[in-house]
Amino acid sequence: MILRRPFLSATSAVSVSKVCFRNLQHSIPIRPVPKPIPFIPDHTTFLSAIGRGLSAHAPKIPSWDALFTLSSEQLKELGIEPARSRKYLLHWREKFRNGEYGIGGDCKHVTDGVAELKLVEAPVGEHPIPGMSARSAMSTATHDPGTRKLVVNVPVGADVPAEPVETLKGVQGVVVKGAKTIKGSYVEPVKGSEGLKARIRMQEGIWEERRGHKVDGGERRKAEVRAKQRAKENKEKREKGK
């Protein structure tokens, strides 16, 4: 009689692999906690900026370090529901770690949640400006020859930038329209400045990524819902025709 060793069943192999994956997941080191930025000084402001009602959960998270170290399970235990809210929070947490900010995130001069902007002219220089074509650099319809117009962040109440104009970069998400109009999401023009000054004010949902809305029941139920709507309309037409 030949004795054979029993083969490992498929279900056992799957369960072993799952255990191994879970152990590997918990062994991955946590990435360093990023430093706050002038526009986002604390965890409460961060939750308010990314929107979707997460600011209501701010009292449940004790500190900035906790915001960037708590796992999804720990956030669930703290009462941050539903799951899509936790997923959205973790998504923005990683974006912030990678230096991907919303509007105003690159502003260094922020006072009481307000970043002031100023339209200035900077020399083009011999080398092309990153992101600017040679044709744009040579254009003189809206600016003096050899210069370019850009919107920079200045200290509150200041008329000139704190740094040399040649070294400054324009504020991301803010553009110049026409000769002297500062435009961008959540950009508020300053009265009496003739369009040369504007502000970005911290407010609820300023960095929010809007969710798509379902039309006729969403992708999965769209055909079914529309078929019922057509049947109802045809029935009403038949009844009117009688």
C-alpha atoms as a PDB file:
ATOM      1  CA  MET A   1       0.000   0.000   0.000  1.00  0.00           C
ATOM      2  CA  ILE A   2       1.339   3.420  -0.989  1.00  0.00           C
ATOM      3  CA  LEU A   3       0.945   6.147   1.570  1.00  0.00           C
ATOM      4  CA  ARG A   4       0.536   9.657   0.243  1.00  0.00           C
ATOM      5  CA  ARG A   5       0.886  12.912   2.115  1.00  0.00           C
ATOM      6  CA  PRO A   6      -2.333  14.912   1.958  1.00  0.00           C
ATOM      7  CA  PHE A   7      -2.149  17.896  -0.363  1.00  0.00           C
ATOM      8  CA  LEU A   8      -2.741  21.386   1.006  1.00  0.00           C
ATOM      9  CA  SER A   9      -6.285  22.291   0.076  1.00  0.00           C
ATOM     10  CA  ALA A  10      -6.996  25.427  -1.976  1.00  0.00           C
ATOM     11  CA  THR A  11      -8.904  27.023   0.886  1.00  0.00           C
ATOM     12  CA  SER A  12      -5.995  26.451   3.255  1.00  0.00           C
ATOM     13  CA  ALA A  13      -3.574  28.021   0.768  1.00  0.00           C
ATOM     14  CA  VAL A  14      -5.772  31.094   0.450  1.00  0.00           C
ATOM     15  CA  SER A  15      -6.078  31.473   4.214  1.00  0.00           C
ATOM     16  CA  VAL A  16      -2.295  31.166   4.678  1.00  0.00           C
ATOM     17  CA  SER A  17      -1.655  33.780   1.990  1.00  0.00           C
ATOM     18  CA  LYS A  18      -4.141  36.143   3.616  1.00  0.00           C
ATOM     19  CA  VAL A  19      -2.397  35.791   6.973  1.00  0.00           C
ATOM     20  CA  CYS A  20       0.972  36.460   5.355  1.00  0.00           C
ATOM     21  CA  PHE A  21      -0.339  39.573   3.601  1.00  0.00           C
ATOM     22  CA  ARG A  22      -1.842  40.914   6.814  1.00  0.00           C
ATOM     23  CA  ASN A  23       1.423  40.407   8.698  1.00  0.00           C
ATOM     24  CA  LEU A  24       3.317  42.147   5.902  1.00  0.00           C
ATOM     25  CA  GLN A  25       0.894  45.071   5.970  1.00  0.00           C
ATOM     26  CA  HIS A  26       1.431  45.662   9.693  1.00  0.00           C
ATOM     27  CA  SER A  27       5.219  45.423   9.287  1.00  0.00           C
ATOM     28  CA  ILE A  28       5.368  48.337   6.845  1.00  0.00           C
ATOM     29  CA  PRO A  29       6.826  51.351   8.690  1.00  0.00           C
ATOM     30  CA  ILE A  30       4.689  54.473   9.059  1.00  0.00           C
ATOM     31  CA  ARG A  31       5.827  57.395   6.943  1.00  0.00           C
ATOM     32  CA  PRO A  32       7.133  60.468   8.784  1.00  0.00           C
ATOM     33  CA  VAL A  33       4.642  63.036  10.008  1.00  0.00           C
ATOM     34  CA  PRO A  34       4.811  66.154   7.785  1.00  0.00           C
ATOM     35  CA  LYS A  35       5.162  69.596   9.292  1.00  0.00           C
ATOM     36  CA  PRO A  36       2.226  72.016   9.254  1.00  0.00           C
ATOM     37  CA  ILE A  37       2.312  74.826   6.708  1.00  0.00           C
ATOM     38  CA  PRO A  38       1.313  78.477   7.246  1.00  0.00           C
ATOM     39  CA  PHE A  39      -2.064  77.977   5.544  1.00  0.00           C
ATOM     40  CA  ILE A  40      -2.754  74.723   7.481  1.00  0.00           C
ATOM     41  CA  PRO A  41      -1.304  75.247  10.981  1.00  0.00           C
ATOM     42  CA  ASP A  42      -3.175  72.448  12.825  1.00  0.00           C
ATOM     43  CA  HIS A  43      -5.275  69.322  12.344  1.00  0.00           C
ATOM     44  CA  THR A  44      -8.558  71.196  12.865  1.00  0.00           C
ATOM     45  CA  THR A  45      -7.808  73.508   9.941  1.00  0.00           C
ATOM     46  CA  PHE A  46      -6.753  70.539   7.807  1.00  0.00           C
ATOM     47  CA  LEU A  47     -10.066  68.749   8.360  1.00  0.00           C
ATOM     48  CA  SER A  48     -11.968  71.955   7.652  1.00  0.00           C
ATOM     49  CA  ALA A  49     -10.030  72.602   4.434  1.00  0.00           C
ATOM     50  CA  ILE A  50     -10.600  69.173   2.862  1.00  0.00           C
ATOM     51  CA  GLY A  51     -14.347  69.471   3.454  1.00  0.00           C
ATOM     52  CA  ARG A  52     -17.015  66.732   3.220  1.00  0.00           C
ATOM     53  CA  GLY A  53     -18.048  67.479   6.799  1.00  0.00           C
ATOM     54  CA  LEU A  54     -14.835  66.088   8.318  1.00  0.00           C
ATOM     55  CA  SER A  55     -14.427  69.193  10.496  1.00  0.00           C
ATOM     56  CA  ALA A  56     -17.189  67.734  12.686  1.00  0.00           C
ATOM     57  CA  HIS A  57     -14.755  64.953  13.654  1.00  0.00           C
ATOM     58  CA  ALA A  58     -11.961  67.331  14.708  1.00  0.00           C
ATOM     59  CA  PRO A  59     -12.608  66.880  18.493  1.00  0.00           C
ATOM     60  CA  LYS A  60     -12.123  63.109  18.080  1.00  0.00           C
ATOM     61  CA  ILE A  61      -8.523  63.505  16.833  1.00  0.00           C
ATOM     62  CA  PRO A  62      -6.254  64.771  19.621  1.00  0.00           C
ATOM     63  CA  SER A  63      -3.322  66.267  17.681  1.00  0.00           C
ATOM     64  CA  TRP A  64      -1.522  66.840  14.397  1.00  0.00           C
ATOM     65  CA  ASP A  65       0.700  63.784  14.947  1.00  0.00           C
ATOM     66  CA  ALA A  66      -2.358  61.632  15.633  1.00  0.00           C
ATOM     67  CA  LEU A  67      -3.958  62.794  12.389  1.00  0.00           C
ATOM     68  CA  PHE A  68      -1.031  61.397  10.381  1.00  0.00           C
ATOM     69  CA  THR A  69      -0.368  58.232  12.405  1.00  0.00           C
ATOM     70  CA  LEU A  70      -3.788  56.774  13.212  1.00  0.00           C
ATOM     71  CA  SER A  71      -4.726  53.766  11.100  1.00  0.00           C
ATOM     72  CA  SER A  72      -8.065  53.300   9.367  1.00  0.00           C
ATOM     73  CA  GLU A  73      -9.170  50.885  12.124  1.00  0.00           C
ATOM     74  CA  GLN A  74      -8.241  53.403  14.817  1.00  0.00           C
ATOM     75  CA  LEU A  75     -10.125  56.150  13.003  1.00  0.00           C
ATOM     76  CA  LYS A  76     -13.131  53.839  12.879  1.00  0.00           C
ATOM     77  CA  GLU A  77     -12.883  53.239  16.630  1.00  0.00           C
ATOM     78  CA  LEU A  78     -12.875  57.013  17.164  1.00  0.00           C
ATOM     79  CA  GLY A  79     -16.212  57.192  15.366  1.00  0.00           C
ATOM     80  CA  ILE A  80     -15.194  58.629  12.000  1.00  0.00           C
ATOM     81  CA  GLU A  81     -17.915  57.232   9.763  1.00  0.00           C
ATOM     82  CA  PRO A  82     -18.854  56.272   7.073  1.00  0.00           C
ATOM     83  CA  ALA A  83     -15.990  54.320   5.510  1.00  0.00           C
ATOM     84  CA  ARG A  84     -15.827  56.660   2.512  1.00  0.00           C
ATOM     85  CA  SER A  85     -15.043  59.549   4.877  1.00  0.00           C
ATOM     86  CA  ARG A  86     -12.087  57.645   6.325  1.00  0.00           C
ATOM     87  CA  LYS A  87     -10.906  56.728   2.846  1.00  0.00           C
ATOM     88  CA  TYR A  88     -11.128  60.365   1.754  1.00  0.00           C
ATOM     89  CA  LEU A  89      -9.215  61.488   4.867  1.00  0.00           C
ATOM     90  CA  LEU A  90      -6.447  58.946   4.242  1.00  0.00           C
ATOM     91  CA  HIS A  91      -6.309  60.048   0.595  1.00  0.00           C
ATOM     92  CA  TRP A  92      -5.762  63.700   1.545  1.00  0.00           C
ATOM     93  CA  ARG A  93      -3.346  62.705   4.283  1.00  0.00           C
ATOM     94  CA  GLU A  94      -1.034  61.074   1.745  1.00  0.00           C
ATOM     95  CA  LYS A  95      -1.387  63.991  -0.663  1.00  0.00           C
ATOM     96  CA  PHE A  96      -0.306  66.367   2.098  1.00  0.00           C
ATOM     97  CA  ARG A  97       2.662  64.128   2.913  1.00  0.00           C
ATOM     98  CA  ASN A  98       3.704  64.327  -0.742  1.00  0.00           C
ATOM     99  CA  GLY A  99       3.487  68.121  -0.755  1.00  0.00           C
ATOM    100  CA  GLU A 100       0.335  68.209  -2.898  1.00  0.00           C
ATOM    101  CA  TYR A 101      -1.727  71.108  -1.564  1.00  0.00           C
ATOM    102  CA  GLY A 102      -4.834  72.943  -2.620  1.00  0.00           C
ATOM    103  CA  ILE A 103      -5.013  76.654  -3.331  1.00  0.00           C
ATOM    104  CA  GLY A 104      -3.088  78.749  -0.809  1.00  0.00           C
ATOM    105  CA  GLY A 105      -0.960  75.805   0.286  1.00  0.00           C
ATOM    106  CA  ASP A 106       2.211  77.288  -1.191  1.00  0.00           C
ATOM    107  CA  CYS A 107       1.728  80.685   0.518  1.00  0.00           C
ATOM    108  CA  LYS A 108       4.376  81.415   3.151  1.00  0.00           C
ATOM    109  CA  HIS A 109       2.871  84.622   4.551  1.00  0.00           C
ATOM    110  CA  VAL A 110      -0.459  83.820   6.210  1.00  0.00           C
ATOM    111  CA  THR A 111      -2.051  85.725   9.101  1.00  0.00           C
ATOM    112  CA  ASP A 112      -5.239  84.499  10.820  1.00  0.00           C
ATOM    113  CA  GLY A 113      -5.998  82.226   7.873  1.00  0.00           C
ATOM    114  CA  VAL A 114      -5.628  85.001   5.271  1.00  0.00           C
ATOM    115  CA  ALA A 115      -2.985  85.045   2.532  1.00  0.00           C
ATOM    116  CA  GLU A 116      -2.618  88.316   0.639  1.00  0.00           C
ATOM    117  CA  LEU A 117      -1.703  88.346  -3.039  1.00  0.00           C
ATOM    118  CA  LYS A 118      -0.050  91.054  -5.091  1.00  0.00           C
ATOM    119  CA  LEU A 119       0.309  91.455  -8.843  1.00  0.00           C
ATOM    120  CA  VAL A 120       3.915  92.321  -9.692  1.00  0.00           C
ATOM    121  CA  GLU A 121       6.152  92.588 -12.726  1.00  0.00           C
ATOM    122  CA  ALA A 122       9.277  90.454 -12.727  1.00  0.00           C
ATOM    123  CA  PRO A 123      12.140  90.511 -15.227  1.00  0.00           C
ATOM    124  CA  VAL A 124      12.151  87.632 -17.677  1.00  0.00           C
ATOM    125  CA  GLY A 125      15.944  87.357 -17.795  1.00  0.00           C
ATOM    126  CA  GLU A 126      18.058  85.424 -20.253  1.00  0.00           C
ATOM    127  CA  HIS A 127      16.618  81.987 -19.412  1.00  0.00           C
ATOM    128  CA  PRO A 128      13.013  81.023 -20.220  1.00  0.00           C
ATOM    129  CA  ILE A 129      10.539  80.885 -17.370  1.00  0.00           C
ATOM    130  CA  PRO A 130       9.338  77.357 -16.454  1.00  0.00           C
ATOM    131  CA  GLY A 131       5.905  76.819 -17.924  1.00  0.00           C
ATOM    132  CA  MET A 132       6.101  79.957 -20.090  1.00  0.00           C
ATOM    133  CA  SER A 133       6.602  79.848 -23.840  1.00  0.00           C
ATOM    134  CA  ALA A 134       9.100  82.150 -25.550  1.00  0.00           C
ATOM    135  CA  ARG A 135       6.214  83.867 -27.341  1.00  0.00           C
ATOM    136  CA  SER A 136       4.520  84.663 -24.020  1.00  0.00           C
ATOM    137  CA  ALA A 137       7.752  86.021 -22.569  1.00  0.00           C
ATOM    138  CA  MET A 138       8.175  88.386 -25.535  1.00  0.00           C
ATOM    139  CA  SER A 139       4.591  89.627 -25.515  1.00  0.00           C
ATOM    140  CA  THR A 140       4.170  93.308 -24.602  1.00  0.00           C
ATOM    141  CA  ALA A 141       0.409  93.722 -24.948  1.00  0.00           C
ATOM    142  CA  THR A 142      -0.207  93.625 -21.201  1.00  0.00           C
ATOM    143  CA  HIS A 143       3.248  94.156 -19.686  1.00  0.00           C
ATOM    144  CA  ASP A 144       6.499  96.034 -20.282  1.00  0.00           C
ATOM    145  CA  PRO A 145       9.137  94.525 -22.583  1.00  0.00           C
ATOM    146  CA  GLY A 146      11.473  92.124 -20.802  1.00  0.00           C
ATOM    147  CA  THR A 147       9.077  91.517 -17.912  1.00  0.00           C
ATOM    148  CA  ARG A 148       6.298  89.170 -16.971  1.00  0.00           C
ATOM    149  CA  LYS A 149       3.341  89.595 -14.676  1.00  0.00           C
ATOM    150  CA  LEU A 150       2.729  87.141 -11.870  1.00  0.00           C
ATOM    151  CA  VAL A 151       0.761  86.935  -8.650  1.00  0.00           C
ATOM    152  CA  VAL A 152       2.873  86.454  -5.510  1.00  0.00           C
ATOM    153  CA  ASN A 153       2.160  86.076  -1.816  1.00  0.00           C
ATOM    154  CA  VAL A 154       3.078  89.105   0.306  1.00  0.00           C
ATOM    155  CA  PRO A 155       2.846  89.743   4.067  1.00  0.00           C
ATOM    156  CA  VAL A 156      -0.509  91.102   5.206  1.00  0.00           C
ATOM    157  CA  GLY A 157      -0.575  94.881   4.734  1.00  0.00           C
ATOM    158  CA  ALA A 158       2.648  94.967   2.682  1.00  0.00           C
ATOM    159  CA  ASP A 159       2.847  96.600  -0.750  1.00  0.00           C
ATOM    160  CA  VAL A 160       5.996  94.802  -1.907  1.00  0.00           C
ATOM    161  CA  PRO A 161       7.142  91.163  -1.586  1.00  0.00           C
ATOM    162  CA  ALA A 162       9.447  90.243   1.288  1.00  0.00           C
ATOM    163  CA  GLU A 163      11.804  88.413  -1.100  1.00  0.00           C
ATOM    164  CA  PRO A 164      13.501  89.590  -4.313  1.00  0.00           C
ATOM    165  CA  VAL A 165      11.056  89.531  -7.213  1.00  0.00           C
ATOM    166  CA  GLU A 166      13.537  87.611  -9.377  1.00  0.00           C
ATOM    167  CA  THR A 167      13.390  84.606  -7.023  1.00  0.00           C
ATOM    168  CA  LEU A 168       9.624  84.480  -6.561  1.00  0.00           C
ATOM    169  CA  LYS A 169       7.221  81.980  -8.085  1.00  0.00           C
ATOM    170  CA  GLY A 170       3.588  82.656  -8.819  1.00  0.00           C
ATOM    171  CA  VAL A 171       0.945  81.306  -6.445  1.00  0.00           C
ATOM    172  CA  GLN A 172      -0.440  78.031  -7.783  1.00  0.00           C
ATOM    173  CA  GLY A 173      -4.025  78.114  -8.995  1.00  0.00           C
ATOM    174  CA  VAL A 174      -3.994  81.912  -9.450  1.00  0.00           C
ATOM    175  CA  VAL A 175      -3.692  83.566 -12.856  1.00  0.00           C
ATOM    176  CA  VAL A 176      -3.676  87.047 -14.359  1.00  0.00           C
ATOM    177  CA  LYS A 177      -6.570  87.881 -16.673  1.00  0.00           C
ATOM    178  CA  GLY A 178      -6.143  90.802 -19.017  1.00  0.00           C
ATOM    179  CA  ALA A 179      -3.844  93.609 -17.916  1.00  0.00           C
ATOM    180  CA  LYS A 180      -4.354  93.504 -14.143  1.00  0.00           C
ATOM    181  CA  THR A 181      -7.043  91.162 -12.883  1.00  0.00           C
ATOM    182  CA  ILE A 182      -6.230  88.407 -10.393  1.00  0.00           C
ATOM    183  CA  LYS A 183      -8.413  85.334 -10.906  1.00  0.00           C
ATOM    184  CA  GLY A 184      -8.663  81.959  -9.190  1.00  0.00           C
ATOM    185  CA  SER A 185     -10.858  79.765  -7.018  1.00  0.00           C
ATOM    186  CA  TYR A 186     -11.668  81.356  -3.645  1.00  0.00           C
ATOM    187  CA  VAL A 187      -9.724  84.493  -4.613  1.00  0.00           C
ATOM    188  CA  GLU A 188     -11.270  87.683  -3.203  1.00  0.00           C
ATOM    189  CA  PRO A 189     -10.263  91.012  -4.788  1.00  0.00           C
ATOM    190  CA  VAL A 190      -9.253  93.775  -2.393  1.00  0.00           C
ATOM    191  CA  LYS A 191     -11.392  96.893  -2.787  1.00  0.00           C
ATOM    192  CA  GLY A 192      -9.542 100.039  -3.804  1.00  0.00           C
ATOM    193  CA  SER A 193      -6.516  98.160  -5.161  1.00  0.00           C
ATOM    194  CA  GLU A 194      -7.621  98.452  -8.829  1.00  0.00           C
ATOM    195  CA  GLY A 195      -7.247  94.689  -9.208  1.00  0.00           C
ATOM    196  CA  LEU A 196      -3.614  94.614  -8.081  1.00  0.00           C
ATOM    197  CA  LYS A 197      -4.332  92.924  -4.748  1.00  0.00           C
ATOM    198  CA  ALA A 198      -6.432  89.949  -3.658  1.00  0.00           C
ATOM    199  CA  ARG A 199      -6.846  87.544  -0.752  1.00  0.00           C
ATOM    200  CA  ILE A 200      -7.243  83.826  -0.187  1.00  0.00           C
ATOM    201  CA  ARG A 201      -9.149  83.198   3.016  1.00  0.00           C
ATOM    202  CA  MET A 202      -9.240  79.832   4.797  1.00  0.00           C
ATOM    203  CA  GLN A 203     -12.787  78.487   4.769  1.00  0.00           C
ATOM    204  CA  GLU A 204     -14.666  75.235   5.008  1.00  0.00           C
ATOM    205  CA  GLY A 205     -14.104  72.971   2.004  1.00  0.00           C
ATOM    206  CA  ILE A 206     -11.538  75.155   0.227  1.00  0.00           C
ATOM    207  CA  TRP A 207      -9.596  72.003  -0.770  1.00  0.00           C
ATOM    208  CA  GLU A 208     -12.602  69.727  -1.120  1.00  0.00           C
ATOM    209  CA  GLU A 209     -12.710  67.263  -3.989  1.00  0.00           C
ATOM    210  CA  ARG A 210     -16.360  67.183  -4.996  1.00  0.00           C
ATOM    211  CA  ARG A 211     -18.133  63.859  -5.256  1.00  0.00           C
ATOM    212  CA  GLY A 212     -19.976  63.029  -8.443  1.00  0.00           C
ATOM    213  CA  HIS A 213     -23.767  62.867  -8.174  1.00  0.00           C
ATOM    214  CA  LYS A 214     -25.842  59.933  -9.313  1.00  0.00           C
ATOM    215  CA  VAL A 215     -28.058  60.389 -12.343  1.00  0.00           C
ATOM    216  CA  ASP A 216     -31.033  58.012 -12.696  1.00  0.00           C
ATOM    217  CA  GLY A 217     -29.795  55.670  -9.987  1.00  0.00           C
ATOM    218  CA  GLY A 218     -26.120  55.611 -10.869  1.00  0.00           C
ATOM    219  CA  GLU A 219     -24.178  53.519 -13.381  1.00  0.00           C
ATOM    220  CA  ARG A 220     -25.459  50.100 -12.271  1.00  0.00           C
ATOM    221  CA  ARG A 221     -29.169  50.925 -12.119  1.00  0.00           C
ATOM    222  CA  LYS A 222     -29.329  53.555 -14.857  1.00  0.00           C
ATOM    223  CA  ALA A 223     -30.773  51.265 -17.569  1.00  0.00           C
ATOM    224  CA  GLU A 224     -33.350  49.784 -15.196  1.00  0.00           C
ATOM    225  CA  VAL A 225     -34.493  53.160 -13.864  1.00  0.00           C
ATOM    226  CA  ARG A 226     -34.748  54.708 -17.324  1.00  0.00           C
ATOM    227  CA  ALA A 227     -36.705  51.712 -18.639  1.00  0.00           C
ATOM    228  CA  LYS A 228     -39.229  52.142 -15.834  1.00  0.00           C
ATOM    229  CA  GLN A 229     -39.446  55.862 -16.595  1.00  0.00           C
ATOM    230  CA  ARG A 230     -40.147  55.162 -20.284  1.00  0.00           C
ATOM    231  CA  ALA A 231     -42.787  52.574 -19.389  1.00  0.00           C
ATOM    232  CA  LYS A 232     -44.472  55.056 -17.072  1.00  0.00           C
ATOM    233  CA  GLU A 233     -44.428  57.805 -19.720  1.00  0.00           C
ATOM    234  CA  ASN A 234     -45.843  55.440 -22.380  1.00  0.00           C
ATOM    235  CA  LYS A 235     -48.600  54.370 -20.003  1.00  0.00           C
ATOM    236  CA  GLU A 236     -49.525  58.008 -19.318  1.00  0.00           C
ATOM    237  CA  LYS A 237     -49.608  58.723 -23.068  1.00  0.00           C
ATOM    238  CA  ARG A 238     -51.900  55.771 -23.716  1.00  0.00           C
ATOM    239  CA  GLU A 239     -54.257  56.853 -20.952  1.00  0.00           C
ATOM    240  CA  LYS A 240     -54.398  60.381 -22.338  1.00  0.00           C
ATOM    241  CA  GLY A 241     -55.119  59.064 -25.830  1.00  0.00           C
ATOM    242  CA  LYS A 242     -58.225  57.166 -24.703  1.00  0.00           C
END
